[in-house]
N, C-alpha and C. Protein backbone atom coordinates (compact mmCIF):
# COMPACT_ATOMS: atom_id res chain seq x y z
N MET A 1 0.84 -1.20 0.00
CA MET A 1 0.00 0.00 0.00
C MET A 1 0.87 1.24 0.00
N THR A 2 0.54 2.20 -0.84
CA THR A 2 1.27 3.46 -0.89
C THR A 2 0.62 4.46 0.07
N THR A 3 1.44 5.07 0.91
CA THR A 3 0.96 6.11 1.81
C THR A 3 1.44 7.45 1.30
N PHE A 4 0.50 8.37 1.12
CA PHE A 4 0.82 9.70 0.62
C PHE A 4 0.96 10.67 1.79
N PHE A 5 1.98 11.54 1.69
CA PHE A 5 2.15 12.63 2.63
C PHE A 5 2.18 13.94 1.86
N ILE A 6 1.71 15.00 2.50
CA ILE A 6 1.61 16.31 1.85
C ILE A 6 2.90 17.09 2.07
N ASP A 7 3.51 17.52 1.00
CA ASP A 7 4.78 18.24 1.03
C ASP A 7 4.49 19.73 0.98
N SER A 8 3.96 20.27 2.08
CA SER A 8 3.56 21.67 2.09
C SER A 8 3.31 22.12 3.52
N ALA A 9 3.44 23.44 3.73
CA ALA A 9 3.06 24.03 5.01
C ALA A 9 2.00 25.11 4.80
N ASP A 10 1.38 25.10 3.61
CA ASP A 10 0.29 26.02 3.31
C ASP A 10 -0.99 25.51 3.99
N ARG A 11 -1.46 26.24 4.96
CA ARG A 11 -2.56 25.74 5.79
C ARG A 11 -3.79 25.39 4.97
N ASN A 12 -4.19 26.23 4.04
CA ASN A 12 -5.39 25.97 3.25
C ASN A 12 -5.25 24.71 2.41
N GLN A 13 -4.09 24.57 1.75
CA GLN A 13 -3.87 23.39 0.91
C GLN A 13 -3.78 22.12 1.75
N VAL A 14 -3.06 22.20 2.84
CA VAL A 14 -2.89 21.02 3.70
C VAL A 14 -4.24 20.59 4.28
N THR A 15 -5.01 21.55 4.76
CA THR A 15 -6.31 21.23 5.34
C THR A 15 -7.24 20.61 4.29
N ARG A 16 -7.19 21.15 3.07
CA ARG A 16 -8.03 20.61 1.99
C ARG A 16 -7.72 19.15 1.73
N LEU A 17 -6.44 18.81 1.66
CA LEU A 17 -6.07 17.44 1.33
C LEU A 17 -6.25 16.49 2.52
N LEU A 18 -5.92 16.94 3.73
CA LEU A 18 -6.11 16.08 4.89
C LEU A 18 -7.58 15.73 5.09
N SER A 19 -8.47 16.64 4.73
CA SER A 19 -9.91 16.41 4.93
C SER A 19 -10.42 15.25 4.08
N THR A 20 -9.67 14.86 3.04
CA THR A 20 -10.10 13.75 2.20
C THR A 20 -9.88 12.40 2.86
N GLY A 21 -9.01 12.34 3.87
CA GLY A 21 -8.69 11.07 4.50
C GLY A 21 -7.75 10.21 3.69
N LEU A 22 -7.21 10.75 2.61
CA LEU A 22 -6.35 9.98 1.71
C LEU A 22 -4.86 10.14 2.00
N PHE A 23 -4.52 10.99 2.99
CA PHE A 23 -3.12 11.26 3.29
C PHE A 23 -2.77 10.86 4.71
N GLY A 24 -1.54 10.40 4.86
CA GLY A 24 -1.08 9.96 6.17
C GLY A 24 -0.59 11.09 7.05
N GLY A 25 -0.31 12.24 6.44
CA GLY A 25 0.18 13.35 7.24
C GLY A 25 0.90 14.38 6.40
N VAL A 26 1.81 15.11 7.04
CA VAL A 26 2.46 16.27 6.44
C VAL A 26 3.97 16.17 6.63
N THR A 27 4.72 16.58 5.62
CA THR A 27 6.17 16.69 5.76
C THR A 27 6.58 18.15 5.61
N THR A 28 7.55 18.55 6.42
CA THR A 28 8.06 19.92 6.33
C THR A 28 9.58 19.90 6.44
N ASN A 29 10.18 20.98 6.03
CA ASN A 29 11.60 21.25 6.27
C ASN A 29 11.76 22.77 6.23
N PRO A 30 12.94 23.30 6.53
CA PRO A 30 13.08 24.76 6.54
C PRO A 30 12.69 25.44 5.23
N GLU A 31 12.95 24.78 4.09
CA GLU A 31 12.59 25.39 2.81
C GLU A 31 11.08 25.42 2.62
N ILE A 32 10.41 24.33 2.98
CA ILE A 32 8.95 24.28 2.87
C ILE A 32 8.31 25.34 3.77
N LEU A 33 8.84 25.49 4.97
CA LEU A 33 8.32 26.52 5.88
C LEU A 33 8.51 27.91 5.28
N SER A 34 9.70 28.15 4.74
CA SER A 34 9.99 29.46 4.15
C SER A 34 9.06 29.77 3.00
N ASN A 35 8.78 28.77 2.15
CA ASN A 35 7.90 28.97 1.00
C ASN A 35 6.47 29.33 1.44
N ALA A 36 6.11 28.93 2.64
CA ALA A 36 4.78 29.24 3.17
C ALA A 36 4.79 30.49 4.04
N GLY A 37 5.94 31.19 4.05
CA GLY A 37 6.04 32.40 4.86
C GLY A 37 6.18 32.11 6.34
N LEU A 38 6.67 30.92 6.68
CA LEU A 38 6.82 30.52 8.08
C LEU A 38 8.29 30.34 8.43
N GLY A 39 8.57 30.22 9.71
CA GLY A 39 9.92 29.98 10.19
C GLY A 39 9.92 28.93 11.27
N SER A 40 11.07 28.68 11.85
CA SER A 40 11.19 27.65 12.88
C SER A 40 10.31 27.91 14.08
N ASN A 41 10.10 29.18 14.42
CA ASN A 41 9.25 29.51 15.57
C ASN A 41 7.79 29.14 15.35
N ASP A 42 7.42 28.91 14.08
CA ASP A 42 6.03 28.56 13.77
C ASP A 42 5.76 27.06 13.83
N ILE A 43 6.79 26.26 14.07
CA ILE A 43 6.63 24.80 14.05
C ILE A 43 5.60 24.32 15.07
N PRO A 44 5.61 24.78 16.33
CA PRO A 44 4.58 24.30 17.27
C PRO A 44 3.16 24.57 16.79
N THR A 45 2.94 25.76 16.25
CA THR A 45 1.60 26.08 15.75
C THR A 45 1.24 25.18 14.57
N LEU A 46 2.21 24.95 13.68
CA LEU A 46 1.97 24.09 12.52
C LEU A 46 1.59 22.68 12.96
N VAL A 47 2.32 22.14 13.91
CA VAL A 47 2.00 20.78 14.40
C VAL A 47 0.59 20.74 14.97
N ASP A 48 0.22 21.77 15.70
CA ASP A 48 -1.12 21.81 16.31
C ASP A 48 -2.22 21.83 15.25
N TRP A 49 -2.10 22.74 14.25
CA TRP A 49 -3.20 22.81 13.29
C TRP A 49 -3.21 21.63 12.34
N ALA A 50 -2.03 21.09 12.00
CA ALA A 50 -1.99 19.91 11.12
C ALA A 50 -2.60 18.70 11.83
N THR A 51 -2.30 18.56 13.11
CA THR A 51 -2.87 17.46 13.89
C THR A 51 -4.39 17.62 13.99
N GLY A 52 -4.83 18.84 14.24
CA GLY A 52 -6.26 19.10 14.31
C GLY A 52 -6.98 18.84 13.00
N ALA A 53 -6.24 19.00 11.89
CA ALA A 53 -6.82 18.78 10.57
C ALA A 53 -6.81 17.31 10.16
N GLY A 54 -6.18 16.45 10.99
CA GLY A 54 -6.22 15.02 10.72
C GLY A 54 -4.90 14.37 10.37
N ALA A 55 -3.79 15.07 10.53
CA ALA A 55 -2.49 14.48 10.21
C ALA A 55 -2.12 13.42 11.24
N LYS A 56 -1.97 12.18 10.78
CA LYS A 56 -1.55 11.11 11.69
C LYS A 56 -0.07 11.21 12.01
N ARG A 57 0.70 11.80 11.07
CA ARG A 57 2.14 11.96 11.29
C ARG A 57 2.56 13.31 10.72
N VAL A 58 3.39 14.02 11.48
CA VAL A 58 3.94 15.29 11.03
C VAL A 58 5.46 15.20 11.13
N PHE A 59 6.13 15.37 10.00
CA PHE A 59 7.59 15.33 9.96
C PHE A 59 8.13 16.75 10.10
N VAL A 60 8.97 16.97 11.09
CA VAL A 60 9.59 18.28 11.30
C VAL A 60 11.10 18.11 11.44
N GLN A 61 11.84 19.04 10.90
CA GLN A 61 13.29 18.87 10.78
C GLN A 61 14.06 19.61 11.87
N SER A 62 14.98 18.89 12.49
CA SER A 62 15.89 19.49 13.45
C SER A 62 17.05 20.14 12.72
N TRP A 63 17.82 20.92 13.46
CA TRP A 63 18.97 21.59 12.85
C TRP A 63 20.02 21.88 13.92
N GLY A 64 21.21 22.20 13.46
CA GLY A 64 22.32 22.49 14.38
C GLY A 64 23.64 22.15 13.72
N LYS A 65 24.71 22.70 14.25
CA LYS A 65 26.04 22.47 13.67
C LYS A 65 26.74 21.26 14.27
N THR A 66 26.28 20.80 15.42
CA THR A 66 26.91 19.65 16.07
C THR A 66 25.89 18.54 16.28
N THR A 67 26.40 17.35 16.53
CA THR A 67 25.53 16.21 16.82
C THR A 67 24.63 16.51 18.02
N GLY A 68 25.23 17.08 19.06
CA GLY A 68 24.46 17.37 20.27
C GLY A 68 23.36 18.37 20.03
N GLU A 69 23.63 19.40 19.24
CA GLU A 69 22.61 20.41 18.95
C GLU A 69 21.45 19.81 18.19
N ILE A 70 21.76 19.00 17.18
CA ILE A 70 20.71 18.39 16.37
C ILE A 70 19.86 17.44 17.23
N ALA A 71 20.52 16.64 18.06
CA ALA A 71 19.80 15.68 18.90
C ALA A 71 18.95 16.39 19.95
N GLU A 72 19.51 17.42 20.58
CA GLU A 72 18.75 18.14 21.62
C GLU A 72 17.53 18.83 21.03
N ARG A 73 17.72 19.49 19.91
CA ARG A 73 16.60 20.18 19.28
C ARG A 73 15.57 19.16 18.76
N GLY A 74 16.07 18.04 18.27
CA GLY A 74 15.17 16.99 17.80
C GLY A 74 14.27 16.48 18.90
N GLN A 75 14.80 16.35 20.10
CA GLN A 75 13.98 15.90 21.22
C GLN A 75 12.94 16.95 21.58
N GLU A 76 13.32 18.23 21.51
CA GLU A 76 12.37 19.29 21.77
C GLU A 76 11.21 19.26 20.77
N LEU A 77 11.55 19.01 19.50
CA LEU A 77 10.51 18.91 18.48
C LEU A 77 9.61 17.70 18.71
N ARG A 78 10.20 16.60 19.10
CA ARG A 78 9.42 15.39 19.36
C ARG A 78 8.42 15.61 20.49
N ASN A 79 8.78 16.44 21.44
CA ASN A 79 7.89 16.71 22.57
C ASN A 79 6.65 17.50 22.17
N LEU A 80 6.60 17.99 20.92
CA LEU A 80 5.44 18.76 20.48
C LEU A 80 4.21 17.89 20.27
N GLY A 81 4.40 16.58 20.11
CA GLY A 81 3.25 15.71 19.91
C GLY A 81 3.67 14.28 19.64
N SER A 82 2.81 13.35 19.98
CA SER A 82 3.13 11.93 19.79
C SER A 82 3.17 11.54 18.32
N ASN A 83 2.61 12.38 17.46
CA ASN A 83 2.61 12.09 16.03
C ASN A 83 3.76 12.76 15.29
N VAL A 84 4.67 13.40 16.01
CA VAL A 84 5.80 14.08 15.38
C VAL A 84 6.94 13.09 15.13
N THR A 85 7.43 13.08 13.90
CA THR A 85 8.64 12.33 13.55
C THR A 85 9.74 13.34 13.23
N VAL A 86 10.86 13.20 13.91
CA VAL A 86 11.96 14.14 13.74
C VAL A 86 12.77 13.80 12.49
N LYS A 87 13.11 14.83 11.73
CA LYS A 87 13.96 14.68 10.56
C LYS A 87 15.34 15.23 10.88
N VAL A 88 16.37 14.56 10.38
CA VAL A 88 17.74 15.04 10.50
C VAL A 88 18.40 14.92 9.14
N PRO A 89 19.39 15.76 8.83
CA PRO A 89 20.05 15.67 7.53
C PRO A 89 21.02 14.49 7.46
N ALA A 90 21.32 14.07 6.24
CA ALA A 90 22.21 12.93 6.03
C ALA A 90 23.67 13.34 6.08
N SER A 91 24.01 14.18 7.04
CA SER A 91 25.40 14.56 7.29
C SER A 91 25.98 13.64 8.36
N ARG A 92 27.29 13.73 8.59
CA ARG A 92 27.89 12.93 9.65
C ARG A 92 27.21 13.22 11.00
N GLN A 93 27.03 14.53 11.28
CA GLN A 93 26.41 14.90 12.54
C GLN A 93 24.94 14.46 12.59
N GLY A 94 24.26 14.55 11.45
CA GLY A 94 22.86 14.15 11.41
C GLY A 94 22.68 12.67 11.67
N ILE A 95 23.54 11.85 11.08
CA ILE A 95 23.45 10.40 11.28
C ILE A 95 23.74 10.05 12.74
N GLU A 96 24.73 10.72 13.32
CA GLU A 96 25.04 10.47 14.73
C GLU A 96 23.87 10.89 15.62
N ALA A 97 23.23 12.00 15.28
CA ALA A 97 22.05 12.43 16.05
C ALA A 97 20.90 11.45 15.87
N ALA A 98 20.75 10.91 14.67
CA ALA A 98 19.70 9.92 14.42
C ALA A 98 19.86 8.71 15.34
N LYS A 99 21.10 8.29 15.54
CA LYS A 99 21.37 7.15 16.43
C LYS A 99 20.94 7.46 17.85
N ILE A 100 21.18 8.69 18.29
CA ILE A 100 20.79 9.10 19.64
C ILE A 100 19.27 9.16 19.76
N LEU A 101 18.63 9.74 18.77
CA LEU A 101 17.18 9.98 18.83
C LEU A 101 16.36 8.72 18.58
N SER A 102 16.89 7.79 17.81
CA SER A 102 16.09 6.65 17.38
C SER A 102 15.73 5.72 18.53
N GLY A 103 16.44 5.83 19.65
CA GLY A 103 16.11 4.97 20.78
C GLY A 103 14.79 5.32 21.44
N ALA A 104 14.29 6.53 21.18
CA ALA A 104 13.06 6.97 21.84
C ALA A 104 11.91 7.23 20.88
N GLY A 105 12.10 6.96 19.60
CA GLY A 105 11.02 7.20 18.64
C GLY A 105 11.54 7.21 17.22
N PRO A 106 10.62 7.29 16.25
CA PRO A 106 11.03 7.25 14.84
C PRO A 106 11.80 8.49 14.42
N VAL A 107 12.75 8.28 13.52
CA VAL A 107 13.58 9.36 12.96
C VAL A 107 13.62 9.19 11.45
N LEU A 108 13.59 10.29 10.75
CA LEU A 108 13.76 10.29 9.30
C LEU A 108 15.07 11.00 8.95
N VAL A 109 15.89 10.36 8.11
CA VAL A 109 17.11 11.00 7.61
C VAL A 109 16.81 11.54 6.23
N THR A 110 16.99 12.84 6.06
CA THR A 110 16.61 13.50 4.82
C THR A 110 17.81 13.94 4.00
N ALA A 111 17.54 14.34 2.75
CA ALA A 111 18.58 14.77 1.80
C ALA A 111 19.54 13.63 1.49
N VAL A 112 18.95 12.47 1.15
CA VAL A 112 19.72 11.28 0.78
C VAL A 112 19.75 11.19 -0.74
N TYR A 113 20.95 11.06 -1.31
CA TYR A 113 21.05 11.11 -2.77
C TYR A 113 21.75 9.91 -3.41
N THR A 114 22.38 9.05 -2.61
CA THR A 114 23.03 7.88 -3.19
C THR A 114 22.66 6.64 -2.41
N ALA A 115 22.67 5.50 -3.08
CA ALA A 115 22.33 4.24 -2.43
C ALA A 115 23.32 3.89 -1.33
N ALA A 116 24.59 4.30 -1.49
CA ALA A 116 25.59 4.00 -0.47
C ALA A 116 25.25 4.64 0.87
N GLN A 117 24.56 5.76 0.84
CA GLN A 117 24.20 6.44 2.09
C GLN A 117 23.20 5.64 2.91
N VAL A 118 22.57 4.66 2.31
CA VAL A 118 21.60 3.85 3.04
C VAL A 118 22.27 3.07 4.17
N LEU A 119 23.50 2.64 3.96
CA LEU A 119 24.15 1.77 4.94
C LEU A 119 24.37 2.45 6.30
N PRO A 120 24.94 3.66 6.37
CA PRO A 120 25.04 4.29 7.68
C PRO A 120 23.67 4.65 8.27
N ILE A 121 22.68 4.89 7.42
CA ILE A 121 21.34 5.18 7.93
C ILE A 121 20.75 3.94 8.60
N ILE A 122 20.97 2.78 8.00
CA ILE A 122 20.53 1.53 8.64
C ILE A 122 21.21 1.37 10.00
N ALA A 123 22.50 1.68 10.05
CA ALA A 123 23.25 1.54 11.30
C ALA A 123 22.73 2.48 12.39
N SER A 124 22.13 3.61 11.97
CA SER A 124 21.63 4.58 12.94
C SER A 124 20.29 4.17 13.55
N ASP A 125 19.68 3.12 13.01
CA ASP A 125 18.36 2.66 13.45
C ASP A 125 17.24 3.65 13.14
N ALA A 126 17.46 4.54 12.18
CA ALA A 126 16.40 5.44 11.74
C ALA A 126 15.25 4.63 11.14
N SER A 127 14.08 5.22 11.14
CA SER A 127 12.89 4.54 10.61
C SER A 127 12.64 4.84 9.14
N TYR A 128 13.05 6.04 8.70
CA TYR A 128 12.80 6.48 7.33
C TYR A 128 14.04 7.16 6.76
N LEU A 129 14.12 7.13 5.43
CA LEU A 129 15.08 7.97 4.72
C LEU A 129 14.34 8.66 3.58
N ALA A 130 14.77 9.89 3.27
CA ALA A 130 14.06 10.67 2.25
C ALA A 130 15.01 11.14 1.16
N PRO A 131 14.92 10.53 -0.03
CA PRO A 131 15.63 11.06 -1.19
C PRO A 131 14.75 12.08 -1.90
N PHE A 132 15.38 13.07 -2.53
CA PHE A 132 14.63 14.12 -3.23
C PHE A 132 14.71 13.87 -4.74
N VAL A 133 13.64 13.37 -5.29
CA VAL A 133 13.60 12.97 -6.69
C VAL A 133 13.87 14.14 -7.63
N GLY A 134 13.14 15.24 -7.44
CA GLY A 134 13.27 16.39 -8.34
C GLY A 134 14.68 16.93 -8.38
N ARG A 135 15.32 17.03 -7.22
CA ARG A 135 16.68 17.57 -7.18
C ARG A 135 17.68 16.62 -7.83
N MET A 136 17.47 15.33 -7.68
CA MET A 136 18.36 14.36 -8.32
C MET A 136 18.27 14.48 -9.84
N ILE A 137 17.05 14.62 -10.34
CA ILE A 137 16.87 14.76 -11.78
C ILE A 137 17.49 16.06 -12.28
N ALA A 138 17.29 17.14 -11.52
CA ALA A 138 17.86 18.43 -11.91
C ALA A 138 19.38 18.38 -11.96
N ALA A 139 19.99 17.51 -11.16
CA ALA A 139 21.45 17.36 -11.14
C ALA A 139 21.94 16.38 -12.19
N GLY A 140 21.02 15.86 -13.01
CA GLY A 140 21.40 14.94 -14.08
C GLY A 140 21.50 13.50 -13.65
N ARG A 141 20.95 13.16 -12.50
CA ARG A 141 21.01 11.79 -12.01
C ARG A 141 19.73 11.03 -12.36
N ASP A 142 19.85 9.71 -12.47
CA ASP A 142 18.69 8.87 -12.70
C ASP A 142 18.07 8.56 -11.35
N ALA A 143 17.13 9.40 -10.95
CA ALA A 143 16.57 9.32 -9.61
C ALA A 143 15.86 8.00 -9.35
N VAL A 144 15.04 7.57 -10.30
CA VAL A 144 14.28 6.34 -10.10
C VAL A 144 15.22 5.15 -9.95
N ALA A 145 16.26 5.08 -10.78
CA ALA A 145 17.21 3.97 -10.70
C ALA A 145 17.95 3.97 -9.37
N GLU A 146 18.36 5.16 -8.91
CA GLU A 146 19.12 5.24 -7.66
C GLU A 146 18.25 4.89 -6.46
N ILE A 147 17.01 5.35 -6.47
CA ILE A 147 16.12 5.03 -5.35
C ILE A 147 15.72 3.56 -5.39
N THR A 148 15.61 3.00 -6.56
CA THR A 148 15.37 1.56 -6.68
C THR A 148 16.52 0.78 -6.04
N ARG A 149 17.75 1.24 -6.25
CA ARG A 149 18.91 0.60 -5.61
C ARG A 149 18.83 0.75 -4.09
N MET A 150 18.38 1.90 -3.61
CA MET A 150 18.20 2.08 -2.17
C MET A 150 17.24 1.04 -1.61
N GLN A 151 16.13 0.84 -2.31
CA GLN A 151 15.15 -0.14 -1.86
C GLN A 151 15.73 -1.55 -1.90
N GLN A 152 16.55 -1.84 -2.90
CA GLN A 152 17.20 -3.15 -3.00
C GLN A 152 18.14 -3.40 -1.83
N VAL A 153 18.87 -2.37 -1.43
CA VAL A 153 19.77 -2.50 -0.28
C VAL A 153 18.97 -2.79 0.99
N ILE A 154 17.88 -2.06 1.17
CA ILE A 154 17.03 -2.27 2.34
C ILE A 154 16.48 -3.69 2.36
N ASP A 155 16.00 -4.15 1.21
CA ASP A 155 15.44 -5.49 1.13
C ASP A 155 16.51 -6.56 1.38
N ALA A 156 17.70 -6.36 0.80
CA ALA A 156 18.77 -7.35 0.91
C ALA A 156 19.28 -7.48 2.35
N THR A 157 19.27 -6.37 3.08
CA THR A 157 19.76 -6.38 4.47
C THR A 157 18.65 -6.71 5.47
N LYS A 158 17.44 -6.89 4.94
CA LYS A 158 16.27 -7.20 5.78
C LYS A 158 16.07 -6.13 6.86
N SER A 159 16.33 -4.90 6.49
CA SER A 159 16.14 -3.77 7.41
C SER A 159 14.68 -3.34 7.43
N ASP A 160 14.27 -2.75 8.56
CA ASP A 160 12.93 -2.20 8.67
C ASP A 160 12.85 -0.76 8.16
N LEU A 161 13.98 -0.22 7.72
CA LEU A 161 14.02 1.15 7.20
C LEU A 161 13.06 1.30 6.02
N GLU A 162 12.37 2.43 5.97
CA GLU A 162 11.43 2.70 4.88
C GLU A 162 11.84 3.97 4.14
N ILE A 163 11.65 3.94 2.83
CA ILE A 163 11.91 5.11 2.01
C ILE A 163 10.68 6.00 1.97
N LEU A 164 10.89 7.29 2.18
CA LEU A 164 9.85 8.30 1.97
C LEU A 164 10.35 9.19 0.85
N ALA A 165 9.94 8.89 -0.37
CA ALA A 165 10.44 9.62 -1.54
C ALA A 165 9.79 10.98 -1.63
N GLY A 166 10.61 12.03 -1.75
CA GLY A 166 10.10 13.38 -1.79
C GLY A 166 10.46 14.12 -3.06
N SER A 167 9.95 15.33 -3.16
CA SER A 167 10.24 16.20 -4.30
C SER A 167 9.81 15.55 -5.61
N LEU A 168 8.67 14.87 -5.57
CA LEU A 168 8.14 14.23 -6.77
C LEU A 168 7.40 15.25 -7.63
N ARG A 169 7.54 15.11 -8.93
CA ARG A 169 7.00 16.11 -9.85
C ARG A 169 5.83 15.60 -10.70
N THR A 170 5.73 14.27 -10.87
CA THR A 170 4.70 13.71 -11.74
C THR A 170 4.14 12.42 -11.15
N PRO A 171 2.90 12.07 -11.48
CA PRO A 171 2.35 10.79 -11.05
C PRO A 171 3.15 9.60 -11.58
N SER A 172 3.75 9.73 -12.76
CA SER A 172 4.52 8.62 -13.31
C SER A 172 5.73 8.30 -12.46
N GLN A 173 6.33 9.32 -11.83
CA GLN A 173 7.44 9.07 -10.92
C GLN A 173 6.96 8.29 -9.69
N VAL A 174 5.79 8.65 -9.19
CA VAL A 174 5.21 7.92 -8.07
C VAL A 174 4.97 6.47 -8.47
N LEU A 175 4.45 6.24 -9.66
CA LEU A 175 4.17 4.90 -10.15
C LEU A 175 5.45 4.08 -10.28
N ASP A 176 6.50 4.68 -10.85
CA ASP A 176 7.77 3.97 -11.01
C ASP A 176 8.34 3.54 -9.66
N LEU A 177 8.28 4.42 -8.68
CA LEU A 177 8.83 4.11 -7.37
C LEU A 177 7.97 3.08 -6.64
N ALA A 178 6.65 3.19 -6.78
CA ALA A 178 5.77 2.19 -6.17
C ALA A 178 6.04 0.81 -6.76
N SER A 179 6.32 0.76 -8.06
CA SER A 179 6.62 -0.51 -8.73
C SER A 179 7.93 -1.11 -8.22
N ALA A 180 8.82 -0.24 -7.71
CA ALA A 180 10.11 -0.70 -7.17
C ALA A 180 10.00 -1.07 -5.70
N GLY A 181 8.82 -0.90 -5.10
CA GLY A 181 8.62 -1.29 -3.71
C GLY A 181 8.62 -0.15 -2.73
N VAL A 182 8.71 1.09 -3.21
CA VAL A 182 8.68 2.26 -2.32
C VAL A 182 7.24 2.51 -1.90
N ARG A 183 6.99 2.49 -0.59
CA ARG A 183 5.60 2.53 -0.10
C ARG A 183 5.17 3.90 0.42
N ASN A 184 6.10 4.83 0.55
CA ASN A 184 5.77 6.14 1.10
C ASN A 184 6.26 7.24 0.16
N VAL A 185 5.38 8.16 -0.17
CA VAL A 185 5.78 9.27 -1.03
C VAL A 185 5.22 10.56 -0.48
N THR A 186 5.95 11.64 -0.71
CA THR A 186 5.48 12.95 -0.31
C THR A 186 5.46 13.86 -1.53
N LEU A 187 4.37 14.57 -1.69
CA LEU A 187 4.21 15.39 -2.88
C LEU A 187 3.40 16.63 -2.58
N GLY A 188 3.61 17.65 -3.42
CA GLY A 188 2.88 18.89 -3.26
C GLY A 188 1.47 18.78 -3.81
N PRO A 189 0.57 19.65 -3.37
CA PRO A 189 -0.81 19.63 -3.86
C PRO A 189 -0.94 19.64 -5.37
N PRO A 190 -0.13 20.42 -6.13
CA PRO A 190 -0.28 20.41 -7.59
C PRO A 190 -0.01 19.03 -8.20
N VAL A 191 0.92 18.26 -7.62
CA VAL A 191 1.21 16.92 -8.15
C VAL A 191 0.05 15.98 -7.87
N TRP A 192 -0.56 16.10 -6.71
CA TRP A 192 -1.73 15.28 -6.40
C TRP A 192 -2.85 15.54 -7.40
N ASP A 193 -3.07 16.78 -7.74
CA ASP A 193 -4.13 17.11 -8.69
C ASP A 193 -3.88 16.51 -10.07
N LEU A 194 -2.60 16.29 -10.42
CA LEU A 194 -2.27 15.72 -11.73
C LEU A 194 -2.76 14.28 -11.88
N PHE A 195 -2.96 13.57 -10.78
CA PHE A 195 -3.47 12.20 -10.87
C PHE A 195 -4.83 12.15 -11.55
N PHE A 196 -5.57 13.24 -11.50
CA PHE A 196 -6.94 13.26 -12.00
C PHE A 196 -7.07 14.06 -13.29
N ASN A 197 -5.93 14.43 -13.85
CA ASN A 197 -5.92 15.26 -15.06
C ASN A 197 -5.71 14.39 -16.29
N ASP A 198 -6.77 13.70 -16.69
CA ASP A 198 -6.72 12.84 -17.87
C ASP A 198 -7.95 13.12 -18.73
N GLU A 199 -7.72 13.36 -20.01
CA GLU A 199 -8.83 13.80 -20.87
C GLU A 199 -9.91 12.72 -21.01
N LEU A 200 -9.52 11.45 -21.03
CA LEU A 200 -10.52 10.39 -21.13
C LEU A 200 -11.35 10.29 -19.85
N THR A 201 -10.68 10.45 -18.71
CA THR A 201 -11.41 10.45 -17.45
C THR A 201 -12.39 11.61 -17.40
N HIS A 202 -11.93 12.78 -17.78
CA HIS A 202 -12.81 13.95 -17.78
C HIS A 202 -14.02 13.71 -18.68
N ALA A 203 -13.78 13.17 -19.87
CA ALA A 203 -14.88 12.94 -20.82
C ALA A 203 -15.88 11.93 -20.27
N SER A 204 -15.36 10.88 -19.63
CA SER A 204 -16.25 9.86 -19.08
C SER A 204 -17.09 10.42 -17.94
N VAL A 205 -16.46 11.20 -17.07
CA VAL A 205 -17.20 11.78 -15.95
C VAL A 205 -18.31 12.70 -16.45
N GLU A 206 -17.99 13.51 -17.44
CA GLU A 206 -19.00 14.41 -18.00
C GLU A 206 -20.15 13.63 -18.64
N ARG A 207 -19.80 12.54 -19.33
CA ARG A 207 -20.84 11.73 -19.97
C ARG A 207 -21.72 11.04 -18.94
N PHE A 208 -21.10 10.50 -17.87
CA PHE A 208 -21.88 9.86 -16.81
C PHE A 208 -22.85 10.86 -16.20
N GLU A 209 -22.36 12.07 -15.95
CA GLU A 209 -23.20 13.10 -15.32
C GLU A 209 -24.35 13.49 -16.25
N GLU A 210 -24.03 13.58 -17.53
CA GLU A 210 -25.06 13.94 -18.50
C GLU A 210 -26.17 12.90 -18.54
N LEU A 211 -25.80 11.62 -18.59
CA LEU A 211 -26.78 10.55 -18.67
C LEU A 211 -27.57 10.43 -17.36
N ALA A 212 -26.87 10.62 -16.24
CA ALA A 212 -27.53 10.46 -14.94
C ALA A 212 -28.59 11.52 -14.70
N THR A 213 -28.42 12.68 -15.31
CA THR A 213 -29.36 13.78 -15.05
C THR A 213 -30.42 13.93 -16.14
N GLN A 214 -30.38 13.06 -17.17
CA GLN A 214 -31.39 13.11 -18.21
C GLN A 214 -32.73 12.60 -17.69
N GLN A 215 -33.79 13.23 -18.13
CA GLN A 215 -35.13 12.74 -17.80
C GLN A 215 -35.54 11.67 -18.80
N PRO A 216 -36.17 10.60 -18.32
CA PRO A 216 -36.63 9.56 -19.25
C PRO A 216 -37.58 10.14 -20.28
N ALA A 217 -37.63 9.53 -21.47
CA ALA A 217 -38.51 9.99 -22.53
C ALA A 217 -39.97 9.93 -22.06
N GLY A 218 -40.72 10.96 -22.40
CA GLY A 218 -42.14 10.99 -22.06
C GLY A 218 -42.43 11.69 -20.75
N GLU A 219 -41.37 12.09 -20.02
CA GLU A 219 -41.62 12.80 -18.77
C GLU A 219 -41.34 14.28 -18.93
């Protein structure tokens, strides 16, 4: 089963999609917050309204220059709610912080770009890793192939680590990754809307509506 997460901190968009019951929650990072006109100080409020809107899981990113700073801040973020999953970057300090934090709850390691990075993430006991598909493609990399290799490493080592693929741009990318065994994806509202943008689907829906509202002959 594929679980969808919303890659946005726009309250109206997030609330609209969470209300459908089709999403598992929300993912954020400093860039996503900035794009929504928010900052780190807004994270507690964001967690509150996303949870109230139905988010089963809210991913929020820790930060800091040292392992201790990342781990300490990560614990503070985790204390915001039982549904909060802390994100840390795939740096040396981030991986070390993930090892510290993972003993008390799920951790996601973000900004993962190569299959080799999966191995230290497994060692950290993190629950999730997040590769950014769009950025990999923009850098000239074969994102789907590399993430498929990540999934192969996870399967071969019998790890419980799960991939949360982010920065997806098209439904076909989601399909390719799902076919490779990736069960979690995060995408922006515009990408979700593309799943329903098919001319044959539109034509069929219009025809069904037309026939359903016709009055029988003689009435």
